[in-house]
Amino acid sequence: MLILHLSDTHSKHDELRNLPPADIIIHSGDISFAGSENEVMDFIEWFGALPYKYKIFIAGNHDDCLFGATLDGLPQNCFYLCNSSVTIQGVKFYGLPMFMADAMSDDYDTNIQNIPSDITVLITHQPPYGILDYSGNINYGDSNLLQIVLKSKPKYHLFGHIHGAYGIEKSENTTFVNAAILSENYKLMYEPILLKI
């Protein structure tokens, strides 16, 4: 199974051309820039029409209009994960969004603690602390998230959020992937990342 991972398109998804083939495309948040419904609906229309067998996305800190939302009417092969999971061909995917309302309360930490231990692919917006999270002399990752990942040992942890930290880092049990494809100045700079599972 091939996964195509991208993140942080910030309403520039229409600029993407010649995306490589894969079985599943995964977007790990910040689909919009201003967090408006129009931006999100435009993304969903684009994403839903892509020629991939399965599609998964989560919300990032820019996607405020999705806070508390339920998305009805998505194509059957398209999944919005919000502190929830989906199993595809025996592979369990779990999505943890990053809403600012949760981040300013204890809800975000509670949601991290509620990540199941039996997942193969963890999709978050924020990185774990110290892994592909460094920008401007600051680590922006979450230490609680790091501890959960080290304990549950998913095969992949997919995220974005930190535009200057694009790349792949491997540990003994988990491959970490930051696929934020825009530069820190919000210009299309990097390619989505292909992974095999």
N, C-alpha and C. Protein backbone atom coordinates (compact mmCIF):
# COMPACT_ATOMS: atom_id res chain seq x y z
N MET A 1 0.84 -1.19 0.00
CA MET A 1 0.00 0.00 0.00
C MET A 1 0.88 1.25 0.00
N LEU A 2 0.63 2.14 -0.95
CA LEU A 2 1.38 3.40 -1.04
C LEU A 2 0.56 4.55 -0.47
N ILE A 3 1.21 5.36 0.35
CA ILE A 3 0.59 6.55 0.95
C ILE A 3 1.27 7.78 0.39
N LEU A 4 0.48 8.77 -0.02
CA LEU A 4 1.01 10.07 -0.41
C LEU A 4 0.61 11.05 0.70
N HIS A 5 1.61 11.63 1.35
CA HIS A 5 1.36 12.50 2.50
C HIS A 5 1.74 13.94 2.15
N LEU A 6 0.82 14.86 2.49
CA LEU A 6 1.09 16.28 2.36
C LEU A 6 0.42 17.02 3.50
N SER A 7 0.86 18.25 3.73
CA SER A 7 0.31 19.03 4.81
C SER A 7 0.50 20.51 4.51
N ASP A 8 -0.28 21.34 5.21
CA ASP A 8 -0.10 22.79 5.18
C ASP A 8 -0.14 23.36 3.76
N THR A 9 -1.22 23.08 3.06
CA THR A 9 -1.38 23.66 1.72
C THR A 9 -2.00 25.06 1.78
N HIS A 10 -2.66 25.40 2.86
CA HIS A 10 -3.16 26.76 3.10
C HIS A 10 -3.87 27.36 1.88
N SER A 11 -4.83 26.64 1.35
CA SER A 11 -5.65 27.07 0.20
C SER A 11 -4.86 27.19 -1.10
N LYS A 12 -3.67 26.61 -1.17
CA LYS A 12 -2.89 26.61 -2.41
C LYS A 12 -2.92 25.24 -3.08
N HIS A 13 -3.90 24.42 -2.72
CA HIS A 13 -3.98 23.06 -3.28
C HIS A 13 -4.12 23.06 -4.79
N ASP A 14 -4.75 24.11 -5.36
CA ASP A 14 -4.93 24.17 -6.82
C ASP A 14 -3.60 24.34 -7.56
N GLU A 15 -2.56 24.72 -6.84
CA GLU A 15 -1.25 24.89 -7.47
C GLU A 15 -0.50 23.56 -7.63
N LEU A 16 -1.00 22.52 -6.98
CA LEU A 16 -0.32 21.22 -7.05
C LEU A 16 -0.60 20.56 -8.39
N ARG A 17 0.44 20.11 -9.03
CA ARG A 17 0.34 19.48 -10.35
C ARG A 17 1.06 18.14 -10.33
N ASN A 18 0.59 17.22 -11.15
CA ASN A 18 1.26 15.94 -11.35
C ASN A 18 1.55 15.20 -10.05
N LEU A 19 0.54 15.10 -9.19
CA LEU A 19 0.72 14.33 -7.97
C LEU A 19 0.96 12.87 -8.33
N PRO A 20 1.90 12.21 -7.67
CA PRO A 20 2.21 10.82 -8.02
C PRO A 20 1.11 9.87 -7.61
N PRO A 21 1.01 8.72 -8.25
CA PRO A 21 -0.01 7.75 -7.88
C PRO A 21 0.27 7.14 -6.51
N ALA A 22 -0.79 6.78 -5.83
CA ALA A 22 -0.71 6.11 -4.52
C ALA A 22 -2.07 5.49 -4.26
N ASP A 23 -2.15 4.67 -3.23
CA ASP A 23 -3.43 4.07 -2.84
C ASP A 23 -4.23 5.01 -1.95
N ILE A 24 -3.52 5.74 -1.09
CA ILE A 24 -4.15 6.64 -0.12
C ILE A 24 -3.43 7.98 -0.14
N ILE A 25 -4.18 9.06 -0.14
CA ILE A 25 -3.61 10.38 0.05
C ILE A 25 -4.05 10.89 1.42
N ILE A 26 -3.08 11.42 2.17
CA ILE A 26 -3.34 11.90 3.53
C ILE A 26 -2.88 13.33 3.66
N HIS A 27 -3.78 14.20 4.14
CA HIS A 27 -3.45 15.61 4.40
C HIS A 27 -3.53 15.83 5.90
N SER A 28 -2.44 16.29 6.49
CA SER A 28 -2.40 16.40 7.95
C SER A 28 -2.63 17.83 8.46
N GLY A 29 -3.53 18.55 7.82
CA GLY A 29 -4.03 19.80 8.39
C GLY A 29 -3.48 21.08 7.81
N ASP A 30 -4.15 22.17 8.17
CA ASP A 30 -3.98 23.49 7.57
C ASP A 30 -4.30 23.43 6.08
N ILE A 31 -5.54 23.01 5.83
CA ILE A 31 -6.04 22.99 4.45
C ILE A 31 -6.42 24.39 4.01
N SER A 32 -6.66 25.28 4.98
CA SER A 32 -7.06 26.66 4.67
C SER A 32 -6.02 27.64 5.19
N PHE A 33 -6.22 28.91 4.88
CA PHE A 33 -5.35 29.95 5.42
C PHE A 33 -6.08 30.75 6.50
N ALA A 34 -7.28 31.23 6.17
CA ALA A 34 -8.04 32.06 7.11
C ALA A 34 -9.05 31.26 7.92
N GLY A 35 -9.22 29.99 7.59
CA GLY A 35 -10.15 29.15 8.33
C GLY A 35 -11.61 29.34 7.96
N SER A 36 -11.86 29.88 6.76
CA SER A 36 -13.24 30.15 6.36
C SER A 36 -13.91 28.90 5.78
N GLU A 37 -15.23 28.89 5.84
CA GLU A 37 -15.99 27.78 5.26
C GLU A 37 -15.75 27.66 3.77
N ASN A 38 -15.67 28.80 3.08
CA ASN A 38 -15.44 28.77 1.62
C ASN A 38 -14.12 28.08 1.29
N GLU A 39 -13.08 28.40 2.05
CA GLU A 39 -11.77 27.77 1.81
C GLU A 39 -11.85 26.27 2.03
N VAL A 40 -12.48 25.88 3.13
CA VAL A 40 -12.57 24.46 3.46
C VAL A 40 -13.40 23.71 2.43
N MET A 41 -14.53 24.29 2.00
CA MET A 41 -15.36 23.63 0.99
C MET A 41 -14.63 23.50 -0.34
N ASP A 42 -13.84 24.51 -0.69
CA ASP A 42 -13.06 24.44 -1.93
C ASP A 42 -12.04 23.31 -1.84
N PHE A 43 -11.39 23.18 -0.69
CA PHE A 43 -10.43 22.09 -0.50
C PHE A 43 -11.13 20.73 -0.61
N ILE A 44 -12.26 20.59 0.08
CA ILE A 44 -12.96 19.30 0.09
C ILE A 44 -13.40 18.90 -1.32
N GLU A 45 -13.85 19.87 -2.09
CA GLU A 45 -14.24 19.58 -3.48
C GLU A 45 -13.05 19.10 -4.29
N TRP A 46 -11.91 19.78 -4.12
CA TRP A 46 -10.68 19.39 -4.82
C TRP A 46 -10.20 18.02 -4.36
N PHE A 47 -10.14 17.84 -3.05
CA PHE A 47 -9.62 16.61 -2.46
C PHE A 47 -10.50 15.42 -2.84
N GLY A 48 -11.81 15.62 -2.78
CA GLY A 48 -12.74 14.55 -3.10
C GLY A 48 -12.67 14.09 -4.54
N ALA A 49 -12.24 14.99 -5.43
CA ALA A 49 -12.15 14.65 -6.86
C ALA A 49 -10.81 14.02 -7.25
N LEU A 50 -9.86 13.97 -6.34
CA LEU A 50 -8.55 13.39 -6.68
C LEU A 50 -8.69 11.90 -6.96
N PRO A 51 -7.87 11.38 -7.90
CA PRO A 51 -8.03 9.98 -8.32
C PRO A 51 -7.30 8.98 -7.43
N TYR A 52 -7.56 9.06 -6.12
CA TYR A 52 -6.97 8.10 -5.19
C TYR A 52 -8.07 7.21 -4.63
N LYS A 53 -7.73 5.96 -4.36
CA LYS A 53 -8.75 5.02 -3.88
C LYS A 53 -9.31 5.45 -2.52
N TYR A 54 -8.43 5.98 -1.66
CA TYR A 54 -8.85 6.45 -0.34
C TYR A 54 -8.21 7.80 -0.05
N LYS A 55 -8.93 8.62 0.73
CA LYS A 55 -8.46 9.97 1.06
C LYS A 55 -8.77 10.24 2.53
N ILE A 56 -7.77 10.77 3.24
CA ILE A 56 -7.92 11.07 4.66
C ILE A 56 -7.40 12.48 4.90
N PHE A 57 -8.13 13.25 5.71
CA PHE A 57 -7.60 14.55 6.13
C PHE A 57 -8.01 14.87 7.55
N ILE A 58 -7.23 15.75 8.17
CA ILE A 58 -7.54 16.25 9.51
C ILE A 58 -7.47 17.77 9.47
N ALA A 59 -7.85 18.39 10.58
CA ALA A 59 -7.81 19.86 10.70
C ALA A 59 -6.52 20.30 11.39
N GLY A 60 -6.04 21.46 10.95
CA GLY A 60 -4.89 22.10 11.60
C GLY A 60 -5.33 23.36 12.31
N ASN A 61 -4.38 24.07 12.87
CA ASN A 61 -4.69 25.26 13.67
C ASN A 61 -5.29 26.40 12.84
N HIS A 62 -5.15 26.36 11.52
CA HIS A 62 -5.77 27.39 10.67
C HIS A 62 -7.22 27.06 10.31
N ASP A 63 -7.64 25.84 10.57
CA ASP A 63 -8.93 25.36 10.07
C ASP A 63 -10.05 25.50 11.11
N ASP A 64 -10.16 26.69 11.67
CA ASP A 64 -11.07 26.94 12.79
C ASP A 64 -12.53 26.60 12.50
N CYS A 65 -12.98 26.77 11.27
CA CYS A 65 -14.40 26.55 11.00
C CYS A 65 -14.79 25.08 11.14
N LEU A 66 -13.80 24.19 11.24
CA LEU A 66 -14.11 22.77 11.43
C LEU A 66 -14.25 22.40 12.90
N PHE A 67 -13.98 23.35 13.80
CA PHE A 67 -14.09 23.05 15.23
C PHE A 67 -15.55 22.71 15.58
N GLY A 68 -15.76 21.50 16.07
CA GLY A 68 -17.10 21.05 16.43
C GLY A 68 -17.98 20.67 15.24
N ALA A 69 -17.42 20.70 14.04
CA ALA A 69 -18.22 20.44 12.84
C ALA A 69 -18.32 18.93 12.57
N THR A 70 -19.44 18.54 11.98
CA THR A 70 -19.57 17.20 11.43
C THR A 70 -19.72 17.36 9.93
N LEU A 71 -18.93 16.64 9.20
CA LEU A 71 -18.93 16.78 7.74
C LEU A 71 -19.76 15.66 7.11
N ASP A 72 -20.94 16.01 6.70
CA ASP A 72 -21.81 15.07 6.00
C ASP A 72 -21.62 15.23 4.50
N GLY A 73 -21.86 14.17 3.78
CA GLY A 73 -21.82 14.26 2.32
C GLY A 73 -20.46 14.08 1.70
N LEU A 74 -19.44 13.67 2.48
CA LEU A 74 -18.14 13.38 1.88
C LEU A 74 -18.27 12.13 1.01
N PRO A 75 -17.45 12.04 -0.04
CA PRO A 75 -17.45 10.79 -0.81
C PRO A 75 -17.17 9.60 0.10
N GLN A 76 -17.67 8.44 -0.27
CA GLN A 76 -17.53 7.24 0.58
C GLN A 76 -16.08 6.87 0.85
N ASN A 77 -15.18 7.25 -0.05
CA ASN A 77 -13.77 6.89 0.12
C ASN A 77 -12.95 8.02 0.74
N CYS A 78 -13.62 9.04 1.28
CA CYS A 78 -12.95 10.21 1.85
C CYS A 78 -13.32 10.31 3.34
N PHE A 79 -12.29 10.41 4.19
CA PHE A 79 -12.50 10.36 5.64
C PHE A 79 -11.90 11.59 6.32
N TYR A 80 -12.73 12.29 7.08
CA TYR A 80 -12.27 13.38 7.94
C TYR A 80 -12.12 12.81 9.34
N LEU A 81 -10.89 12.75 9.84
CA LEU A 81 -10.64 12.17 11.15
C LEU A 81 -10.46 13.28 12.17
N CYS A 82 -11.30 13.23 13.20
CA CYS A 82 -11.25 14.22 14.28
C CYS A 82 -11.32 13.46 15.60
N ASN A 83 -10.14 13.17 16.15
CA ASN A 83 -10.04 12.31 17.33
C ASN A 83 -10.77 11.00 17.08
N SER A 84 -10.51 10.45 15.89
CA SER A 84 -11.20 9.24 15.47
C SER A 84 -10.30 8.44 14.54
N SER A 85 -10.78 7.24 14.20
CA SER A 85 -9.96 6.34 13.39
C SER A 85 -10.76 5.76 12.23
N VAL A 86 -10.02 5.21 11.28
CA VAL A 86 -10.60 4.43 10.20
C VAL A 86 -9.62 3.31 9.88
N THR A 87 -10.14 2.14 9.59
CA THR A 87 -9.30 1.01 9.20
C THR A 87 -9.51 0.73 7.72
N ILE A 88 -8.42 0.74 6.97
CA ILE A 88 -8.45 0.54 5.53
C ILE A 88 -7.52 -0.61 5.19
N GLN A 89 -8.05 -1.64 4.59
CA GLN A 89 -7.28 -2.82 4.20
C GLN A 89 -6.43 -3.33 5.36
N GLY A 90 -7.02 -3.36 6.55
CA GLY A 90 -6.35 -3.88 7.73
C GLY A 90 -5.40 -2.93 8.42
N VAL A 91 -5.27 -1.71 7.89
CA VAL A 91 -4.37 -0.71 8.48
C VAL A 91 -5.22 0.33 9.21
N LYS A 92 -4.92 0.54 10.50
CA LYS A 92 -5.69 1.49 11.30
C LYS A 92 -5.01 2.86 11.31
N PHE A 93 -5.77 3.87 10.87
CA PHE A 93 -5.32 5.26 10.84
C PHE A 93 -6.07 6.03 11.93
N TYR A 94 -5.36 6.90 12.64
CA TYR A 94 -6.01 7.72 13.67
C TYR A 94 -5.62 9.17 13.45
N GLY A 95 -6.61 10.08 13.52
CA GLY A 95 -6.36 11.49 13.29
C GLY A 95 -6.63 12.35 14.50
N LEU A 96 -5.66 13.18 14.87
CA LEU A 96 -5.77 14.13 15.98
C LEU A 96 -5.65 15.55 15.41
N PRO A 97 -6.73 16.33 15.42
CA PRO A 97 -6.66 17.70 14.89
C PRO A 97 -5.94 18.62 15.87
N MET A 98 -5.70 19.85 15.41
CA MET A 98 -5.11 20.86 16.30
C MET A 98 -5.95 22.13 16.19
N PHE A 99 -6.94 22.23 17.07
CA PHE A 99 -7.75 23.43 17.14
C PHE A 99 -7.21 24.33 18.24
N MET A 100 -7.17 25.63 17.97
CA MET A 100 -6.62 26.55 18.96
C MET A 100 -7.46 26.56 20.24
N ALA A 101 -8.78 26.37 20.12
CA ALA A 101 -9.63 26.33 21.32
C ALA A 101 -9.22 25.16 22.21
N ASP A 102 -8.88 24.03 21.61
CA ASP A 102 -8.42 22.89 22.40
C ASP A 102 -7.03 23.13 22.97
N ALA A 103 -6.17 23.76 22.17
CA ALA A 103 -4.79 24.00 22.60
C ALA A 103 -4.73 24.96 23.79
N MET A 104 -5.72 25.85 23.90
CA MET A 104 -5.73 26.80 25.01
C MET A 104 -6.45 26.25 26.24
N SER A 105 -6.92 25.04 26.15
CA SER A 105 -7.58 24.39 27.28
C SER A 105 -6.89 23.05 27.53
N ASP A 106 -7.43 22.28 28.45
CA ASP A 106 -6.88 20.96 28.72
C ASP A 106 -7.36 19.92 27.71
N ASP A 107 -8.27 20.32 26.82
CA ASP A 107 -8.85 19.35 25.89
C ASP A 107 -7.81 18.74 24.95
N TYR A 108 -6.85 19.56 24.51
CA TYR A 108 -5.83 19.04 23.59
C TYR A 108 -5.00 17.95 24.27
N ASP A 109 -4.57 18.20 25.51
CA ASP A 109 -3.80 17.19 26.24
C ASP A 109 -4.64 15.93 26.48
N THR A 110 -5.92 16.11 26.78
CA THR A 110 -6.81 14.97 26.97
C THR A 110 -6.93 14.16 25.69
N ASN A 111 -7.08 14.87 24.55
CA ASN A 111 -7.18 14.19 23.26
C ASN A 111 -5.92 13.41 22.94
N ILE A 112 -4.76 13.95 23.30
CA ILE A 112 -3.50 13.23 23.09
C ILE A 112 -3.48 11.96 23.93
N GLN A 113 -3.89 12.07 25.17
CA GLN A 113 -3.89 10.89 26.06
C GLN A 113 -4.86 9.82 25.58
N ASN A 114 -5.88 10.22 24.82
CA ASN A 114 -6.88 9.29 24.32
C ASN A 114 -6.51 8.62 23.00
N ILE A 115 -5.32 8.92 22.47
CA ILE A 115 -4.88 8.26 21.24
C ILE A 115 -4.75 6.76 21.53
N PRO A 116 -5.39 5.90 20.72
CA PRO A 116 -5.32 4.46 20.98
C PRO A 116 -3.90 3.92 20.79
N SER A 117 -3.63 2.80 21.41
CA SER A 117 -2.29 2.21 21.33
C SER A 117 -2.16 1.21 20.17
N ASP A 118 -3.26 0.93 19.48
CA ASP A 118 -3.24 -0.13 18.46
C ASP A 118 -3.30 0.41 17.04
N ILE A 119 -2.74 1.59 16.81
CA ILE A 119 -2.81 2.19 15.48
C ILE A 119 -1.51 1.96 14.71
N THR A 120 -1.63 1.91 13.40
CA THR A 120 -0.46 1.76 12.53
C THR A 120 0.04 3.10 12.04
N VAL A 121 -0.90 4.01 11.72
CA VAL A 121 -0.54 5.33 11.21
C VAL A 121 -1.23 6.39 12.07
N LEU A 122 -0.43 7.21 12.74
CA LEU A 122 -0.95 8.33 13.51
C LEU A 122 -0.81 9.59 12.67
N ILE A 123 -1.90 10.33 12.55
CA ILE A 123 -1.91 11.59 11.79
C ILE A 123 -2.24 12.71 12.77
N THR A 124 -1.30 13.62 12.95
CA THR A 124 -1.54 14.80 13.77
C THR A 124 -1.14 16.02 12.96
N HIS A 125 -1.51 17.20 13.46
CA HIS A 125 -1.01 18.40 12.80
C HIS A 125 0.31 18.82 13.43
N GLN A 126 0.35 18.84 14.74
CA GLN A 126 1.55 19.24 15.46
C GLN A 126 2.55 18.09 15.52
N PRO A 127 3.85 18.40 15.42
CA PRO A 127 4.87 17.36 15.59
C PRO A 127 5.03 16.97 17.06
N PRO A 128 5.67 15.83 17.30
CA PRO A 128 6.10 15.52 18.66
C PRO A 128 7.33 16.36 18.99
N TYR A 129 7.56 16.60 20.26
CA TYR A 129 8.66 17.46 20.67
C TYR A 129 10.01 16.89 20.22
N GLY A 130 10.81 17.76 19.60
CA GLY A 130 12.18 17.42 19.24
C GLY A 130 12.33 16.67 17.93
N ILE A 131 11.24 16.43 17.21
CA ILE A 131 11.31 15.68 15.95
C ILE A 131 10.68 16.51 14.84
N LEU A 132 11.51 17.00 13.93
CA LEU A 132 11.04 17.79 12.78
C LEU A 132 10.09 18.91 13.22
N ASP A 133 10.49 19.59 14.31
CA ASP A 133 9.63 20.63 14.90
C ASP A 133 10.39 21.92 15.17
N TYR A 134 11.62 22.03 14.63
CA TYR A 134 12.50 23.14 15.00
C TYR A 134 12.41 24.27 13.98
N SER A 135 12.16 25.48 14.47
CA SER A 135 12.10 26.66 13.60
C SER A 135 12.36 27.90 14.44
N GLY A 136 13.24 28.77 13.96
CA GLY A 136 13.52 30.02 14.67
C GLY A 136 14.04 29.80 16.08
N ASN A 137 14.90 28.81 16.25
CA ASN A 137 15.52 28.50 17.54
C ASN A 137 14.54 27.99 18.59
N ILE A 138 13.38 27.48 18.14
CA ILE A 138 12.37 26.96 19.07
C ILE A 138 11.89 25.60 18.58
N ASN A 139 11.71 24.67 19.51
CA ASN A 139 11.05 23.40 19.21
C ASN A 139 9.56 23.59 19.48
N TYR A 140 8.74 23.44 18.45
CA TYR A 140 7.30 23.67 18.55
C TYR A 140 6.49 22.39 18.78
N GLY A 141 7.17 21.27 18.92
CA GLY A 141 6.47 20.02 19.12
C GLY A 141 5.91 19.88 20.52
N ASP A 142 5.09 18.85 20.70
CA ASP A 142 4.42 18.61 21.97
C ASP A 142 5.07 17.43 22.69
N SER A 143 5.50 17.64 23.94
CA SER A 143 6.19 16.58 24.69
C SER A 143 5.24 15.45 25.08
N ASN A 144 3.98 15.77 25.38
CA ASN A 144 3.01 14.72 25.70
C ASN A 144 2.77 13.82 24.49
N LEU A 145 2.70 14.44 23.32
CA LEU A 145 2.52 13.67 22.09
C LEU A 145 3.72 12.75 21.85
N LEU A 146 4.91 13.26 22.10
CA LEU A 146 6.12 12.43 21.95
C LEU A 146 6.04 11.20 22.85
N GLN A 147 5.64 11.38 24.09
CA GLN A 147 5.58 10.25 25.02
C GLN A 147 4.56 9.20 24.57
N ILE A 148 3.42 9.66 24.07
CA ILE A 148 2.39 8.72 23.58
C ILE A 148 2.91 7.94 22.38
N VAL A 149 3.60 8.62 21.46
CA VAL A 149 4.11 7.95 20.27
C VAL A 149 5.20 6.94 20.65
N LEU A 150 6.08 7.31 21.57
CA LEU A 150 7.13 6.38 21.99
C LEU A 150 6.54 5.16 22.68
N LYS A 151 5.42 5.34 23.35
CA LYS A 151 4.77 4.24 24.04
C LYS A 151 3.97 3.34 23.09
N SER A 152 3.20 3.96 22.17
CA SER A 152 2.32 3.17 21.30
C SER A 152 3.02 2.64 20.05
N LYS A 153 4.11 3.26 19.64
CA LYS A 153 4.96 2.77 18.54
C LYS A 153 4.22 2.55 17.23
N PRO A 154 3.52 3.57 16.71
CA PRO A 154 2.93 3.40 15.37
C PRO A 154 4.03 3.25 14.32
N LYS A 155 3.69 2.63 13.23
CA LYS A 155 4.69 2.48 12.15
C LYS A 155 5.04 3.84 11.56
N TYR A 156 4.02 4.69 11.38
CA TYR A 156 4.23 6.05 10.86
C TYR A 156 3.55 7.07 11.76
N HIS A 157 4.21 8.20 11.94
CA HIS A 157 3.58 9.37 12.54
C HIS A 157 3.70 10.49 11.52
N LEU A 158 2.55 10.89 10.96
CA LEU A 158 2.50 11.89 9.90
C LEU A 158 1.98 13.21 10.47
N PHE A 159 2.65 14.32 10.12
CA PHE A 159 2.26 15.64 10.63
C PHE A 159 2.79 16.73 9.71
N GLY A 160 2.63 17.97 10.13
CA GLY A 160 3.12 19.14 9.40
C GLY A 160 3.37 20.26 10.38
N HIS A 161 2.66 21.38 10.17
CA HIS A 161 2.64 22.53 11.08
C HIS A 161 3.89 23.40 11.01
N ILE A 162 5.06 22.81 11.09
CA ILE A 162 6.30 23.60 11.08
C ILE A 162 6.88 23.58 9.67
N HIS A 163 6.68 24.68 8.97
CA HIS A 163 7.02 24.73 7.54
C HIS A 163 8.51 24.58 7.27
N GLY A 164 9.34 25.01 8.19
CA GLY A 164 10.78 24.93 7.96
C GLY A 164 11.40 23.61 8.36
N ALA A 165 10.58 22.63 8.74
CA ALA A 165 11.12 21.37 9.26
C ALA A 165 10.68 20.16 8.42
N TYR A 166 10.39 20.40 7.15
CA TYR A 166 9.99 19.33 6.22
C TYR A 166 11.03 18.22 6.20
N GLY A 167 10.56 16.97 6.20
CA GLY A 167 11.49 15.86 6.08
C GLY A 167 11.01 14.59 6.75
N ILE A 168 11.92 13.61 6.80
CA ILE A 168 11.65 12.30 7.38
C ILE A 168 12.72 11.98 8.41
N GLU A 169 12.29 11.44 9.53
CA GLU A 169 13.21 11.01 10.58
C GLU A 169 12.74 9.65 11.09
N LYS A 170 13.67 8.72 11.21
CA LYS A 170 13.30 7.36 11.63
C LYS A 170 13.86 7.05 13.01
N SER A 171 13.02 6.40 13.80
CA SER A 171 13.49 5.83 15.07
C SER A 171 13.43 4.31 14.93
N GLU A 172 13.68 3.61 16.01
CA GLU A 172 13.67 2.15 15.95
C GLU A 172 12.31 1.60 15.55
N ASN A 173 11.24 2.25 16.01
CA ASN A 173 9.90 1.72 15.78
C ASN A 173 9.02 2.55 14.85
N THR A 174 9.31 3.83 14.71
CA THR A 174 8.39 4.75 14.02
C THR A 174 9.15 5.60 13.01
N THR A 175 8.52 5.81 11.86
CA THR A 175 9.02 6.77 10.88
C THR A 175 8.18 8.03 11.02
N PHE A 176 8.84 9.15 11.29
CA PHE A 176 8.19 10.44 11.47
C PHE A 176 8.31 11.25 10.18
N VAL A 177 7.19 11.85 9.76
CA VAL A 177 7.18 12.56 8.47
C VAL A 177 6.50 13.91 8.63
N ASN A 178 7.26 14.98 8.40
CA ASN A 178 6.70 16.33 8.33
C ASN A 178 6.59 16.68 6.85
N ALA A 179 5.37 16.75 6.35
CA ALA A 179 5.14 17.01 4.92
C ALA A 179 4.52 18.38 4.67
N ALA A 180 4.90 19.38 5.49
CA ALA A 180 4.46 20.76 5.25
C ALA A 180 5.12 21.24 3.96
N ILE A 181 4.33 21.41 2.91
CA ILE A 181 4.93 21.63 1.58
C ILE A 181 5.13 23.10 1.22
N LEU A 182 4.64 24.02 2.05
CA LEU A 182 4.88 25.44 1.79
C LEU A 182 6.05 25.93 2.62
N SER A 183 6.73 26.94 2.10
CA SER A 183 7.83 27.55 2.84
C SER A 183 7.26 28.37 3.99
N GLU A 184 8.14 28.91 4.81
CA GLU A 184 7.70 29.76 5.92
C GLU A 184 7.03 31.04 5.40
N ASN A 185 7.27 31.38 4.13
CA ASN A 185 6.61 32.53 3.49
C ASN A 185 5.38 32.11 2.68
N TYR A 186 4.91 30.90 2.91
CA TYR A 186 3.69 30.37 2.28
C TYR A 186 3.80 30.26 0.76
N LYS A 187 4.98 29.91 0.29
CA LYS A 187 5.16 29.63 -1.13
C LYS A 187 5.35 28.12 -1.29
N LEU A 188 4.80 27.58 -2.38
CA LEU A 188 4.93 26.15 -2.65
C LEU A 188 6.41 25.83 -2.85
N MET A 189 6.94 24.95 -1.99
CA MET A 189 8.39 24.72 -1.99
C MET A 189 8.76 23.24 -2.07
N TYR A 190 7.99 22.39 -1.39
CA TYR A 190 8.35 20.99 -1.29
C TYR A 190 7.32 20.10 -1.98
N GLU A 191 7.70 18.84 -2.16
CA GLU A 191 6.82 17.85 -2.78
C GLU A 191 6.13 17.01 -1.70
N PRO A 192 4.89 16.56 -1.95
CA PRO A 192 4.30 15.56 -1.06
C PRO A 192 5.20 14.33 -0.98
N ILE A 193 5.11 13.60 0.11
CA ILE A 193 6.04 12.50 0.38
C ILE A 193 5.34 11.15 0.20
N LEU A 194 5.97 10.27 -0.58
CA LEU A 194 5.45 8.92 -0.80
C LEU A 194 6.01 7.95 0.23
N LEU A 195 5.14 7.13 0.80
CA LEU A 195 5.53 6.16 1.82
C LEU A 195 4.91 4.82 1.48
N LYS A 196 5.58 3.75 1.86
CA LYS A 196 5.07 2.41 1.61
C LYS A 196 4.77 1.73 2.93
N ILE A 197 3.61 1.08 2.99
CA ILE A 197 3.24 0.39 4.22
C ILE A 197 2.81 -1.04 3.91
